[in-house]
């Protein structure tokens, strides 16, 4: 299978001069199409920083980071914007707009695609919400949903645009054991059906069994797989 993420000798620091704080040190990893990789490690180990670099949300200057064939190190914003359109994001706190229904929150992802009509976007979003088990909650707003249901909406939102990569940052942190495992198991099933690659950062050792591979970051370095 081809690699969709290729990282080679990535180094990243915050600050400069005497205040330089190294965060990632000589990180090298390759992730294949359709692979589910979990990154674990203690707080401050560089997990979220690594995820934001892979997602094109933070600029790196040392080493090589190729995502879907595009070089992100010292790249221009246009390259990253184009690549981000093929990436779905899932966050710890859902980041749903409270004034919008579940259907409207998922539709928002499709609105950047001017080729589709409003009806087509609505139909696709409804199909995705049905796939995550929320077919009877299309018109519910986030405050009317449980934590697990809100995370299912965020999974539907991440997948509805048929991205090639899903990046998830602590998606089970605010959920109980059952809801958390249900959410990531659902994500795994839907992603496997579409051959979507998942890179998931977590402290939650209860969900390691969904991964094809577990990578541990410690003090900015890959400790073991």
N, C-alpha and C. Protein backbone atom coordinates (compact mmCIF):
# COMPACT_ATOMS: atom_id res chain seq x y z
N UNK A 1 0.84 -1.20 0.00
CA UNK A 1 0.00 0.00 0.00
C UNK A 1 0.88 1.26 0.00
N UNK A 2 0.47 2.28 -0.74
CA UNK A 2 1.28 3.52 -0.77
C UNK A 2 1.21 4.28 0.55
N UNK A 3 2.28 5.02 0.84
CA UNK A 3 2.29 5.85 2.05
C UNK A 3 1.58 7.16 1.76
N UNK A 4 0.72 7.57 2.68
CA UNK A 4 0.04 8.87 2.53
C UNK A 4 0.67 9.92 3.44
N UNK A 5 1.39 9.45 4.47
CA UNK A 5 2.12 10.34 5.37
C UNK A 5 3.55 9.83 5.48
N UNK A 6 4.51 10.66 5.13
CA UNK A 6 5.92 10.30 5.23
C UNK A 6 6.67 11.40 5.96
N UNK A 7 7.14 11.06 7.15
CA UNK A 7 7.87 12.03 7.98
C UNK A 7 9.31 11.53 8.14
N UNK A 8 10.27 12.41 7.86
CA UNK A 8 11.68 12.01 7.91
C UNK A 8 12.49 13.06 8.67
N UNK A 9 13.05 12.64 9.80
CA UNK A 9 13.92 13.49 10.61
C UNK A 9 13.29 14.86 10.90
N UNK A 10 12.04 14.83 11.33
CA UNK A 10 11.34 16.07 11.68
C UNK A 10 11.80 16.58 13.04
N UNK A 11 12.20 17.86 13.06
CA UNK A 11 12.53 18.54 14.31
C UNK A 11 11.68 19.79 14.40
N UNK A 12 11.20 20.08 15.60
CA UNK A 12 10.37 21.27 15.79
C UNK A 12 10.60 21.82 17.20
N UNK A 13 10.73 23.15 17.29
CA UNK A 13 10.94 23.81 18.58
C UNK A 13 10.05 25.03 18.69
N UNK A 14 9.71 25.38 19.93
CA UNK A 14 9.05 26.65 20.21
C UNK A 14 10.11 27.63 20.72
N UNK A 15 9.91 28.92 20.43
CA UNK A 15 10.83 29.94 20.91
C UNK A 15 12.08 29.99 20.06
N UNK A 16 13.01 30.87 20.47
CA UNK A 16 14.26 31.02 19.74
C UNK A 16 15.38 31.41 20.70
N UNK A 17 16.61 31.27 20.24
CA UNK A 17 17.76 31.64 21.04
C UNK A 17 17.82 30.85 22.35
N UNK A 18 18.08 31.58 23.44
CA UNK A 18 18.18 30.93 24.74
C UNK A 18 16.86 30.36 25.22
N UNK A 19 15.77 30.81 24.62
CA UNK A 19 14.43 30.36 25.03
C UNK A 19 13.91 29.21 24.17
N UNK A 20 14.76 28.67 23.30
CA UNK A 20 14.34 27.57 22.44
C UNK A 20 13.95 26.35 23.26
N UNK A 21 12.76 25.81 22.96
CA UNK A 21 12.27 24.62 23.64
C UNK A 21 11.99 23.53 22.60
N UNK A 22 12.87 22.55 22.46
CA UNK A 22 12.64 21.47 21.49
C UNK A 22 11.38 20.69 21.86
N UNK A 23 10.53 20.41 20.86
CA UNK A 23 9.29 19.67 21.10
C UNK A 23 9.31 18.33 20.38
N UNK A 24 9.75 18.33 19.12
CA UNK A 24 9.88 17.09 18.35
C UNK A 24 11.33 16.92 17.93
N UNK A 25 11.87 15.72 18.11
CA UNK A 25 13.29 15.48 17.88
C UNK A 25 13.51 14.30 16.94
N UNK A 26 13.89 14.61 15.73
CA UNK A 26 14.30 13.58 14.78
C UNK A 26 13.23 12.51 14.57
N UNK A 27 11.97 12.93 14.42
CA UNK A 27 10.86 12.00 14.27
C UNK A 27 10.79 11.49 12.84
N UNK A 28 10.78 10.17 12.69
CA UNK A 28 10.66 9.54 11.38
C UNK A 28 9.58 8.47 11.45
N UNK A 29 8.61 8.56 10.54
CA UNK A 29 7.52 7.58 10.51
C UNK A 29 6.85 7.60 9.14
N UNK A 30 6.38 6.45 8.71
CA UNK A 30 5.63 6.34 7.45
C UNK A 30 4.31 5.66 7.74
N UNK A 31 3.22 6.22 7.21
CA UNK A 31 1.88 5.69 7.46
C UNK A 31 1.22 5.40 6.12
N UNK A 32 0.70 4.19 5.98
CA UNK A 32 0.17 3.75 4.70
C UNK A 32 -1.31 4.10 4.53
N UNK A 33 -1.77 4.05 3.30
CA UNK A 33 -3.18 4.26 2.99
C UNK A 33 -4.04 3.23 3.72
N UNK A 34 -5.08 3.70 4.40
CA UNK A 34 -6.00 2.81 5.09
C UNK A 34 -5.54 2.34 6.46
N UNK A 35 -4.36 2.76 6.88
CA UNK A 35 -3.81 2.31 8.17
C UNK A 35 -4.38 3.16 9.31
N UNK A 36 -4.60 2.52 10.46
CA UNK A 36 -5.05 3.22 11.66
C UNK A 36 -3.89 3.23 12.66
N UNK A 37 -3.34 4.41 12.91
CA UNK A 37 -2.17 4.55 13.79
C UNK A 37 -2.55 5.42 14.98
N UNK A 38 -2.31 4.91 16.18
CA UNK A 38 -2.54 5.67 17.41
C UNK A 38 -1.20 6.15 17.95
N UNK A 39 -1.16 7.41 18.35
CA UNK A 39 0.03 7.98 18.98
C UNK A 39 -0.28 8.23 20.44
N UNK A 40 0.49 7.62 21.31
CA UNK A 40 0.31 7.77 22.75
C UNK A 40 1.55 8.40 23.36
N UNK A 41 1.44 8.71 24.63
CA UNK A 41 2.58 9.29 25.33
C UNK A 41 2.11 10.27 26.38
N UNK A 42 2.97 10.63 27.33
CA UNK A 42 2.59 11.54 28.41
C UNK A 42 2.32 12.96 27.90
N UNK A 43 1.66 13.74 28.71
CA UNK A 43 1.42 15.15 28.37
C UNK A 43 2.75 15.85 28.14
N UNK A 44 2.81 16.70 27.13
CA UNK A 44 4.04 17.43 26.84
C UNK A 44 5.03 16.67 25.98
N UNK A 45 4.62 15.49 25.47
CA UNK A 45 5.55 14.69 24.69
C UNK A 45 5.60 15.10 23.22
N UNK A 46 4.69 16.01 22.81
CA UNK A 46 4.72 16.50 21.44
C UNK A 46 3.65 15.93 20.53
N UNK A 47 2.69 15.19 21.09
CA UNK A 47 1.68 14.50 20.28
C UNK A 47 0.82 15.47 19.48
N UNK A 48 0.24 16.45 20.17
CA UNK A 48 -0.66 17.38 19.49
C UNK A 48 0.11 18.26 18.51
N UNK A 49 1.33 18.67 18.87
CA UNK A 49 2.16 19.45 17.94
C UNK A 49 2.40 18.66 16.67
N UNK A 50 2.72 17.39 16.81
CA UNK A 50 2.94 16.52 15.65
C UNK A 50 1.68 16.46 14.78
N UNK A 51 0.53 16.30 15.41
CA UNK A 51 -0.73 16.21 14.68
C UNK A 51 -1.02 17.49 13.90
N UNK A 52 -0.75 18.63 14.52
CA UNK A 52 -1.04 19.91 13.85
C UNK A 52 -0.09 20.14 12.67
N UNK A 53 1.12 19.63 12.75
CA UNK A 53 2.05 19.74 11.61
C UNK A 53 1.57 18.85 10.46
N UNK A 54 1.15 17.63 10.78
CA UNK A 54 0.63 16.71 9.76
C UNK A 54 -0.62 17.30 9.11
N UNK A 55 -1.43 18.00 9.91
CA UNK A 55 -2.65 18.58 9.39
C UNK A 55 -2.46 19.90 8.66
N UNK A 56 -1.23 20.36 8.55
CA UNK A 56 -0.96 21.61 7.86
C UNK A 56 -1.43 22.83 8.64
N UNK A 57 -1.61 22.67 9.95
CA UNK A 57 -2.07 23.77 10.79
C UNK A 57 -0.91 24.49 11.47
N UNK A 58 0.28 23.92 11.37
CA UNK A 58 1.48 24.52 11.96
C UNK A 58 2.65 24.32 11.01
N UNK A 59 3.45 25.33 10.84
CA UNK A 59 4.57 25.26 9.90
C UNK A 59 5.80 24.65 10.56
N UNK A 60 6.41 23.68 9.89
CA UNK A 60 7.67 23.10 10.34
C UNK A 60 8.78 23.55 9.39
N UNK A 61 10.02 23.61 9.91
CA UNK A 61 11.13 24.15 9.12
C UNK A 61 12.30 23.19 8.97
N UNK A 62 12.31 22.09 9.72
CA UNK A 62 13.47 21.19 9.70
C UNK A 62 13.02 19.75 9.50
N UNK A 63 13.60 19.09 8.49
CA UNK A 63 13.24 17.72 8.18
C UNK A 63 12.31 17.69 6.98
N UNK A 64 11.56 16.59 6.87
CA UNK A 64 10.64 16.42 5.76
C UNK A 64 9.31 15.89 6.25
N UNK A 65 8.22 16.49 5.78
CA UNK A 65 6.87 16.03 6.10
C UNK A 65 6.08 16.04 4.80
N UNK A 66 5.84 14.86 4.24
CA UNK A 66 5.05 14.75 3.02
C UNK A 66 3.69 14.15 3.35
N UNK A 67 2.64 14.89 3.00
CA UNK A 67 1.27 14.45 3.23
C UNK A 67 0.56 14.41 1.89
N UNK A 68 0.10 13.20 1.52
CA UNK A 68 -0.54 13.01 0.21
C UNK A 68 0.34 13.54 -0.92
N UNK A 69 1.65 13.34 -0.75
CA UNK A 69 2.61 13.70 -1.77
C UNK A 69 3.08 15.14 -1.76
N UNK A 70 2.53 15.96 -0.85
CA UNK A 70 2.89 17.37 -0.78
C UNK A 70 3.85 17.63 0.38
N UNK A 71 4.91 18.36 0.12
CA UNK A 71 5.90 18.70 1.14
C UNK A 71 5.39 19.86 1.99
N UNK A 72 5.31 19.64 3.31
CA UNK A 72 4.80 20.66 4.24
C UNK A 72 5.91 21.48 4.88
N UNK A 73 7.14 20.98 4.91
CA UNK A 73 8.23 21.72 5.55
C UNK A 73 8.62 22.89 4.65
N UNK A 74 8.62 24.09 5.22
CA UNK A 74 8.92 25.32 4.48
C UNK A 74 8.00 25.50 3.27
N UNK A 75 6.77 25.03 3.37
CA UNK A 75 5.83 25.12 2.25
C UNK A 75 5.03 26.42 2.32
N UNK A 76 4.40 26.75 1.19
CA UNK A 76 3.53 27.92 1.21
C UNK A 76 2.11 27.52 1.63
N UNK A 77 1.33 28.49 2.01
CA UNK A 77 0.00 28.23 2.54
C UNK A 77 -0.91 27.60 1.49
N UNK A 78 -0.73 27.93 0.25
CA UNK A 78 -1.59 27.41 -0.81
C UNK A 78 -1.51 25.89 -0.89
N UNK A 79 -0.31 25.35 -0.75
CA UNK A 79 -0.13 23.89 -0.78
C UNK A 79 -0.87 23.25 0.38
N UNK A 80 -0.75 23.85 1.56
CA UNK A 80 -1.39 23.27 2.74
C UNK A 80 -2.90 23.37 2.67
N UNK A 81 -3.41 24.48 2.15
CA UNK A 81 -4.86 24.65 2.02
C UNK A 81 -5.42 23.57 1.10
N UNK A 82 -4.76 23.35 -0.03
CA UNK A 82 -5.20 22.34 -0.98
C UNK A 82 -5.22 20.95 -0.35
N UNK A 83 -4.19 20.64 0.44
CA UNK A 83 -4.10 19.33 1.07
C UNK A 83 -5.11 19.18 2.19
N UNK A 84 -5.36 20.26 2.94
CA UNK A 84 -6.32 20.20 4.05
C UNK A 84 -7.73 19.85 3.57
N UNK A 85 -8.02 20.14 2.32
CA UNK A 85 -9.34 19.80 1.78
C UNK A 85 -9.54 18.30 1.67
N UNK A 86 -8.46 17.53 1.81
CA UNK A 86 -8.53 16.06 1.75
C UNK A 86 -8.32 15.43 3.13
N UNK A 87 -8.40 16.27 4.17
CA UNK A 87 -8.20 15.80 5.54
C UNK A 87 -9.43 16.12 6.37
N UNK A 88 -9.88 15.14 7.17
CA UNK A 88 -10.96 15.36 8.11
C UNK A 88 -10.40 15.47 9.52
N UNK A 89 -10.99 16.33 10.35
CA UNK A 89 -10.49 16.57 11.70
C UNK A 89 -11.55 16.23 12.74
N UNK A 90 -11.12 15.55 13.81
CA UNK A 90 -11.99 15.27 14.94
C UNK A 90 -11.28 15.76 16.20
N UNK A 91 -11.99 16.57 16.99
CA UNK A 91 -11.39 17.19 18.17
C UNK A 91 -12.01 16.67 19.46
N UNK A 92 -11.30 16.88 20.54
CA UNK A 92 -11.76 16.43 21.86
C UNK A 92 -13.10 17.05 22.24
N UNK A 93 -13.26 18.33 21.97
CA UNK A 93 -14.46 19.05 22.41
C UNK A 93 -15.50 19.21 21.30
N UNK A 94 -15.43 18.36 20.28
CA UNK A 94 -16.43 18.31 19.21
C UNK A 94 -16.40 19.52 18.27
N UNK A 95 -16.32 20.73 18.85
CA UNK A 95 -16.31 21.97 18.04
C UNK A 95 -17.52 22.07 17.11
N UNK A 96 -18.68 21.67 17.61
CA UNK A 96 -19.92 21.83 16.85
C UNK A 96 -20.50 23.21 17.13
N UNK A 97 -21.15 23.79 16.13
CA UNK A 97 -21.80 25.08 16.31
C UNK A 97 -23.14 24.86 17.00
N UNK A 98 -23.30 25.45 18.18
CA UNK A 98 -24.48 25.19 19.00
C UNK A 98 -25.78 25.66 18.36
N UNK A 99 -25.70 26.66 17.50
CA UNK A 99 -26.92 27.22 16.90
C UNK A 99 -27.41 26.40 15.70
N UNK A 100 -26.61 25.42 15.27
CA UNK A 100 -26.96 24.61 14.10
C UNK A 100 -27.37 23.20 14.52
N UNK A 101 -28.21 22.58 13.71
CA UNK A 101 -28.60 21.19 13.95
C UNK A 101 -27.44 20.26 13.58
N UNK A 102 -27.61 18.99 13.95
CA UNK A 102 -26.61 18.00 13.57
C UNK A 102 -26.43 17.97 12.05
N UNK A 103 -27.54 18.00 11.33
CA UNK A 103 -27.48 17.98 9.87
C UNK A 103 -26.74 19.20 9.33
N UNK A 104 -27.03 20.37 9.86
CA UNK A 104 -26.39 21.59 9.40
C UNK A 104 -24.89 21.60 9.73
N UNK A 105 -24.52 21.08 10.90
CA UNK A 105 -23.10 21.00 11.27
C UNK A 105 -22.33 20.12 10.29
N UNK A 106 -22.93 19.01 9.88
CA UNK A 106 -22.25 18.11 8.95
C UNK A 106 -22.23 18.71 7.55
N UNK A 107 -23.31 19.39 7.17
CA UNK A 107 -23.39 20.02 5.84
C UNK A 107 -22.29 21.05 5.63
N UNK A 108 -21.88 21.71 6.70
CA UNK A 108 -20.89 22.79 6.58
C UNK A 108 -19.61 22.33 5.89
N UNK A 109 -19.22 21.09 6.14
CA UNK A 109 -18.00 20.57 5.54
C UNK A 109 -18.10 20.53 4.03
N UNK A 110 -19.30 20.33 3.51
CA UNK A 110 -19.49 20.18 2.06
C UNK A 110 -19.69 21.51 1.35
N UNK A 111 -19.84 22.58 2.10
CA UNK A 111 -20.16 23.86 1.47
C UNK A 111 -19.00 24.47 0.70
N UNK A 112 -17.78 23.99 0.95
CA UNK A 112 -16.63 24.49 0.19
C UNK A 112 -16.63 23.91 -1.23
N UNK A 113 -17.45 22.87 -1.44
CA UNK A 113 -17.53 22.25 -2.75
C UNK A 113 -18.68 22.89 -3.54
N UNK A 114 -18.35 23.84 -4.38
CA UNK A 114 -19.38 24.60 -5.11
C UNK A 114 -20.06 23.76 -6.18
N UNK A 115 -19.53 22.57 -6.46
CA UNK A 115 -20.09 21.73 -7.51
C UNK A 115 -21.43 21.12 -7.08
N UNK A 116 -21.58 20.87 -5.78
CA UNK A 116 -22.79 20.22 -5.29
C UNK A 116 -23.88 21.25 -4.96
N UNK A 117 -25.13 20.82 -5.10
CA UNK A 117 -26.25 21.67 -4.75
C UNK A 117 -26.56 21.54 -3.26
N UNK A 118 -27.36 22.46 -2.73
CA UNK A 118 -27.74 22.39 -1.32
C UNK A 118 -28.46 21.08 -1.02
N UNK A 119 -29.30 20.64 -1.93
CA UNK A 119 -30.04 19.39 -1.73
C UNK A 119 -29.09 18.20 -1.70
N UNK A 120 -28.10 18.20 -2.58
CA UNK A 120 -27.12 17.11 -2.61
C UNK A 120 -26.30 17.08 -1.32
N UNK A 121 -25.92 18.26 -0.83
CA UNK A 121 -25.15 18.33 0.42
C UNK A 121 -25.98 17.82 1.59
N UNK A 122 -27.23 18.23 1.65
CA UNK A 122 -28.12 17.82 2.73
C UNK A 122 -28.34 16.31 2.70
N UNK A 123 -28.51 15.77 1.50
CA UNK A 123 -28.74 14.33 1.36
C UNK A 123 -27.51 13.54 1.79
N UNK A 124 -26.34 14.01 1.38
CA UNK A 124 -25.09 13.33 1.75
C UNK A 124 -24.86 13.40 3.26
N UNK A 125 -25.12 14.55 3.87
CA UNK A 125 -24.94 14.71 5.31
C UNK A 125 -25.90 13.80 6.07
N UNK A 126 -27.13 13.70 5.59
CA UNK A 126 -28.12 12.83 6.24
C UNK A 126 -27.67 11.36 6.16
N UNK A 127 -27.16 10.95 5.02
CA UNK A 127 -26.66 9.58 4.85
C UNK A 127 -25.55 9.28 5.85
N UNK A 128 -24.66 10.27 6.04
CA UNK A 128 -23.55 10.06 6.95
C UNK A 128 -24.02 9.98 8.40
N UNK A 129 -24.99 10.80 8.77
CA UNK A 129 -25.53 10.76 10.13
C UNK A 129 -26.28 9.46 10.37
N UNK A 130 -26.96 8.96 9.36
CA UNK A 130 -27.61 7.65 9.48
C UNK A 130 -26.55 6.57 9.69
N UNK A 131 -25.43 6.68 8.98
CA UNK A 131 -24.35 5.69 9.09
C UNK A 131 -23.75 5.65 10.49
N UNK A 132 -23.77 6.79 11.20
CA UNK A 132 -23.23 6.80 12.56
C UNK A 132 -24.33 6.60 13.61
N UNK A 133 -25.52 6.21 13.15
CA UNK A 133 -26.59 5.86 14.07
C UNK A 133 -27.40 7.03 14.59
N UNK A 134 -27.40 8.15 13.86
CA UNK A 134 -28.13 9.34 14.32
C UNK A 134 -29.21 9.77 13.33
N UNK A 135 -29.76 8.80 12.63
CA UNK A 135 -30.80 9.11 11.66
C UNK A 135 -32.03 9.75 12.28
N UNK A 136 -32.25 9.52 13.57
CA UNK A 136 -33.40 10.12 14.26
C UNK A 136 -33.02 11.39 15.03
N UNK A 137 -31.83 11.90 14.77
CA UNK A 137 -31.37 13.10 15.48
C UNK A 137 -30.90 14.20 14.52
N UNK A 138 -31.33 14.14 13.28
CA UNK A 138 -30.86 15.10 12.27
C UNK A 138 -31.14 16.54 12.65
N UNK A 139 -32.28 16.80 13.25
CA UNK A 139 -32.69 18.17 13.55
C UNK A 139 -32.41 18.57 15.00
N UNK A 140 -31.64 17.75 15.71
CA UNK A 140 -31.28 18.07 17.09
C UNK A 140 -30.05 18.96 17.10
N UNK A 141 -30.04 19.93 18.00
CA UNK A 141 -28.87 20.78 18.18
C UNK A 141 -27.93 20.13 19.22
N UNK A 142 -26.64 20.53 19.24
CA UNK A 142 -25.67 19.88 20.12
C UNK A 142 -26.11 19.79 21.58
N UNK A 143 -26.75 20.83 22.10
CA UNK A 143 -27.16 20.80 23.51
C UNK A 143 -28.26 19.78 23.78
N UNK A 144 -28.88 19.26 22.73
CA UNK A 144 -29.92 18.25 22.88
C UNK A 144 -29.37 16.83 22.73
N UNK A 145 -28.06 16.73 22.53
CA UNK A 145 -27.42 15.44 22.31
C UNK A 145 -26.49 15.09 23.48
N UNK A 146 -26.29 13.80 23.70
CA UNK A 146 -25.33 13.36 24.71
C UNK A 146 -23.91 13.56 24.20
N UNK A 147 -22.93 13.42 25.09
CA UNK A 147 -21.53 13.57 24.67
C UNK A 147 -21.15 12.59 23.58
N UNK A 148 -21.60 11.33 23.72
CA UNK A 148 -21.30 10.33 22.72
C UNK A 148 -21.95 10.64 21.38
N UNK A 149 -23.18 11.16 21.44
CA UNK A 149 -23.87 11.54 20.19
C UNK A 149 -23.19 12.72 19.52
N UNK A 150 -22.73 13.69 20.31
CA UNK A 150 -22.02 14.83 19.72
C UNK A 150 -20.74 14.38 19.03
N UNK A 151 -20.05 13.42 19.64
CA UNK A 151 -18.84 12.93 19.01
C UNK A 151 -19.15 12.16 17.73
N UNK A 152 -20.31 11.49 17.68
CA UNK A 152 -20.73 10.82 16.46
C UNK A 152 -21.00 11.84 15.35
N UNK A 153 -21.58 12.98 15.72
CA UNK A 153 -21.79 14.05 14.74
C UNK A 153 -20.45 14.53 14.20
N UNK A 154 -19.47 14.68 15.08
CA UNK A 154 -18.15 15.14 14.63
C UNK A 154 -17.47 14.11 13.74
N UNK A 155 -17.72 12.82 14.01
CA UNK A 155 -17.19 11.76 13.13
C UNK A 155 -17.85 11.85 11.76
N UNK A 156 -19.19 12.05 11.75
CA UNK A 156 -19.91 12.20 10.48
C UNK A 156 -19.39 13.41 9.72
N UNK A 157 -19.16 14.50 10.44
CA UNK A 157 -18.66 15.72 9.80
C UNK A 157 -17.27 15.50 9.20
N UNK A 158 -16.42 14.74 9.90
CA UNK A 158 -15.07 14.49 9.41
C UNK A 158 -15.06 13.59 8.18
N UNK A 159 -16.01 12.66 8.11
CA UNK A 159 -16.01 11.67 7.04
C UNK A 159 -16.86 12.06 5.83
N UNK A 160 -17.77 13.02 6.00
CA UNK A 160 -18.75 13.30 4.94
C UNK A 160 -18.11 13.77 3.64
N UNK A 161 -16.99 14.44 3.73
CA UNK A 161 -16.31 14.92 2.53
C UNK A 161 -15.42 13.88 1.86
N UNK A 162 -15.49 12.63 2.36
CA UNK A 162 -14.70 11.52 1.85
C UNK A 162 -13.20 11.85 1.81
N UNK A 163 -12.65 12.25 2.96
CA UNK A 163 -11.23 12.61 3.02
C UNK A 163 -10.34 11.38 2.89
N UNK A 164 -9.10 11.61 2.56
CA UNK A 164 -8.15 10.51 2.47
C UNK A 164 -7.49 10.24 3.82
N UNK A 165 -7.51 11.25 4.70
CA UNK A 165 -6.89 11.13 6.03
C UNK A 165 -7.84 11.72 7.07
N UNK A 166 -7.94 11.04 8.22
CA UNK A 166 -8.63 11.59 9.38
C UNK A 166 -7.59 11.82 10.47
N UNK A 167 -7.56 13.02 11.04
CA UNK A 167 -6.71 13.34 12.17
C UNK A 167 -7.60 13.56 13.38
N UNK A 168 -7.34 12.82 14.45
CA UNK A 168 -8.20 12.90 15.65
C UNK A 168 -7.33 13.20 16.88
N UNK A 169 -7.71 14.24 17.61
CA UNK A 169 -6.96 14.67 18.80
C UNK A 169 -7.78 14.39 20.06
N UNK A 170 -7.41 13.35 20.78
CA UNK A 170 -8.07 12.96 22.03
C UNK A 170 -9.60 12.87 21.87
N UNK A 171 -10.09 12.10 20.90
CA UNK A 171 -11.53 12.09 20.63
C UNK A 171 -12.37 11.44 21.71
N UNK A 172 -11.76 10.70 22.63
CA UNK A 172 -12.55 10.03 23.69
C UNK A 172 -12.34 10.67 25.06
N UNK A 173 -11.60 11.76 25.13
CA UNK A 173 -11.21 12.32 26.43
C UNK A 173 -12.40 12.74 27.29
N UNK A 174 -13.48 13.21 26.64
CA UNK A 174 -14.63 13.68 27.41
C UNK A 174 -15.76 12.64 27.47
N UNK A 175 -15.45 11.40 27.07
CA UNK A 175 -16.47 10.36 27.04
C UNK A 175 -16.17 9.27 28.06
N UNK A 176 -17.24 8.58 28.52
CA UNK A 176 -17.02 7.44 29.39
C UNK A 176 -16.49 6.27 28.56
N UNK A 177 -16.13 5.19 29.24
CA UNK A 177 -15.47 4.07 28.57
C UNK A 177 -16.31 3.50 27.43
N UNK A 178 -17.59 3.25 27.70
CA UNK A 178 -18.44 2.64 26.67
C UNK A 178 -18.65 3.57 25.48
N UNK A 179 -18.98 4.83 25.76
CA UNK A 179 -19.22 5.79 24.68
C UNK A 179 -17.96 6.02 23.86
N UNK A 180 -16.81 6.10 24.54
CA UNK A 180 -15.55 6.32 23.85
C UNK A 180 -15.20 5.18 22.93
N UNK A 181 -15.36 3.96 23.42
CA UNK A 181 -15.01 2.81 22.60
C UNK A 181 -15.99 2.65 21.44
N UNK A 182 -17.25 2.94 21.68
CA UNK A 182 -18.24 2.88 20.60
C UNK A 182 -17.90 3.89 19.50
N UNK A 183 -17.49 5.09 19.91
CA UNK A 183 -17.20 6.14 18.93
C UNK A 183 -16.01 5.76 18.05
N UNK A 184 -14.92 5.30 18.67
CA UNK A 184 -13.73 5.00 17.86
C UNK A 184 -13.90 3.70 17.07
N UNK A 185 -14.70 2.76 17.59
CA UNK A 185 -14.97 1.54 16.83
C UNK A 185 -15.79 1.86 15.58
N UNK A 186 -16.73 2.78 15.75
CA UNK A 186 -17.53 3.25 14.61
C UNK A 186 -16.64 3.96 13.60
N UNK A 187 -15.77 4.81 14.08
CA UNK A 187 -14.84 5.52 13.20
C UNK A 187 -13.98 4.52 12.43
N UNK A 188 -13.49 3.50 13.13
CA UNK A 188 -12.65 2.49 12.48
C UNK A 188 -13.43 1.77 11.37
N UNK A 189 -14.65 1.36 11.66
CA UNK A 189 -15.44 0.62 10.68
C UNK A 189 -15.70 1.45 9.43
N UNK A 190 -16.13 2.69 9.63
CA UNK A 190 -16.43 3.55 8.48
C UNK A 190 -15.18 3.89 7.68
N UNK A 191 -14.06 4.11 8.39
CA UNK A 191 -12.82 4.44 7.70
C UNK A 191 -12.28 3.26 6.91
N UNK A 192 -12.39 2.06 7.47
CA UNK A 192 -11.93 0.87 6.76
C UNK A 192 -12.74 0.64 5.49
N UNK A 193 -14.03 0.94 5.54
CA UNK A 193 -14.88 0.76 4.36
C UNK A 193 -14.45 1.67 3.22
N UNK A 194 -13.91 2.84 3.57
CA UNK A 194 -13.52 3.81 2.54
C UNK A 194 -12.01 3.91 2.36
N UNK A 195 -11.26 3.02 3.03
CA UNK A 195 -9.79 2.99 2.93
C UNK A 195 -9.17 4.32 3.38
N UNK A 196 -9.80 4.95 4.37
CA UNK A 196 -9.31 6.21 4.91
C UNK A 196 -8.24 5.95 5.97
N UNK A 197 -7.16 6.70 5.91
CA UNK A 197 -6.09 6.60 6.92
C UNK A 197 -6.48 7.39 8.16
N UNK A 198 -6.22 6.82 9.34
CA UNK A 198 -6.52 7.51 10.60
C UNK A 198 -5.23 7.68 11.40
N UNK A 199 -4.96 8.91 11.83
CA UNK A 199 -3.88 9.19 12.78
C UNK A 199 -4.54 9.80 14.00
N UNK A 200 -4.49 9.08 15.11
CA UNK A 200 -5.25 9.45 16.30
C UNK A 200 -4.33 9.60 17.50
N UNK A 201 -4.38 10.76 18.13
CA UNK A 201 -3.61 11.03 19.35
C UNK A 201 -4.48 10.74 20.56
N UNK A 202 -3.96 10.00 21.53
CA UNK A 202 -4.79 9.66 22.68
C UNK A 202 -3.97 9.38 23.94
N UNK A 203 -4.61 9.66 25.08
CA UNK A 203 -4.10 9.20 26.38
C UNK A 203 -4.87 7.96 26.81
N UNK A 204 -5.90 7.60 26.05
CA UNK A 204 -6.87 6.59 26.46
C UNK A 204 -6.39 5.20 26.06
N UNK A 205 -5.81 4.47 27.00
CA UNK A 205 -5.28 3.15 26.70
C UNK A 205 -6.38 2.10 26.54
N UNK A 206 -7.63 2.49 26.78
CA UNK A 206 -8.76 1.57 26.61
C UNK A 206 -9.11 1.35 25.15
N UNK A 207 -8.59 2.19 24.25
CA UNK A 207 -8.98 2.09 22.83
C UNK A 207 -7.83 1.63 21.94
N UNK A 208 -6.74 1.17 22.53
CA UNK A 208 -5.59 0.79 21.72
C UNK A 208 -5.89 -0.39 20.79
N UNK A 209 -6.91 -1.18 21.14
CA UNK A 209 -7.21 -2.37 20.34
C UNK A 209 -7.80 -2.04 18.96
N UNK A 210 -8.17 -0.78 18.72
CA UNK A 210 -8.71 -0.45 17.39
C UNK A 210 -7.59 -0.19 16.38
N UNK A 211 -6.37 -0.08 16.86
CA UNK A 211 -5.27 0.37 16.00
C UNK A 211 -4.61 -0.77 15.24
N UNK A 212 -4.13 -0.46 14.05
CA UNK A 212 -3.23 -1.37 13.35
C UNK A 212 -1.83 -1.26 13.94
N UNK A 213 -1.53 -0.08 14.47
CA UNK A 213 -0.19 0.18 15.00
C UNK A 213 -0.28 1.25 16.08
N UNK A 214 0.49 1.08 17.15
CA UNK A 214 0.56 2.07 18.24
C UNK A 214 1.98 2.60 18.31
N UNK A 215 2.09 3.93 18.25
CA UNK A 215 3.39 4.60 18.30
C UNK A 215 3.45 5.42 19.58
N UNK A 216 4.52 5.29 20.34
CA UNK A 216 4.66 6.02 21.59
C UNK A 216 5.67 7.17 21.44
N UNK A 217 5.21 8.36 21.75
CA UNK A 217 6.09 9.53 21.77
C UNK A 217 6.45 9.85 23.21
N UNK A 218 7.72 10.04 23.45
CA UNK A 218 8.17 10.44 24.77
C UNK A 218 9.30 11.45 24.64
N UNK A 219 9.12 12.60 25.26
CA UNK A 219 10.11 13.69 25.20
C UNK A 219 10.43 14.04 23.75
N UNK A 220 9.37 14.03 22.89
CA UNK A 220 9.54 14.46 21.51
C UNK A 220 10.13 13.44 20.57
N UNK A 221 10.37 12.22 21.06
CA UNK A 221 10.96 11.18 20.23
C UNK A 221 10.08 9.94 20.21
N UNK A 222 10.11 9.22 19.09
CA UNK A 222 9.38 7.96 19.02
C UNK A 222 10.12 6.93 19.86
N UNK A 223 9.44 6.44 20.87
CA UNK A 223 10.06 5.51 21.80
C UNK A 223 9.97 4.07 21.30
N UNK A 224 8.74 3.68 20.90
CA UNK A 224 8.58 2.31 20.45
C UNK A 224 7.30 2.19 19.64
N UNK A 225 7.21 1.10 18.87
CA UNK A 225 5.99 0.76 18.16
C UNK A 225 5.61 -0.66 18.51
